Amino acid sequence: MSILSETRPFPDIAARIHRRHNILTSGGMTGVMQVAGVLQDCGLPVRDFSVDVREGVAYGSLSCTISMTADEAQRLVARLCSVPAVIAVDPG
């Protein structure tokens, strides 16, 4: 492919930005692992991933950064909200 070529392998590359999501979960490690499975199945590279689960605390939290378009981010939030262990998603 030439630099001057009209076609690009990723036509939406300019629309992709790193988007951070903060996810509140229930169910301890089981809930967090359900969310991790959704992130793994989304088909986009997860750039940053951190989890905070503590014994005796009802909720856990998960933060991740993924490079995606606005439409992909909306679909991901909808998918995450369908997971029973997810209490809230902050696409901040």
Foldseek 3Di string as FASTA:
>chain_A
DDPPDPDDPDPCLVQWDKWKKKWKFFDFPVGVVVLVVLVVPLPFDWPDKDKAGDPPDGIIMIMTITTDHPVSVVVSLVVSVVRPGTPDMDRD
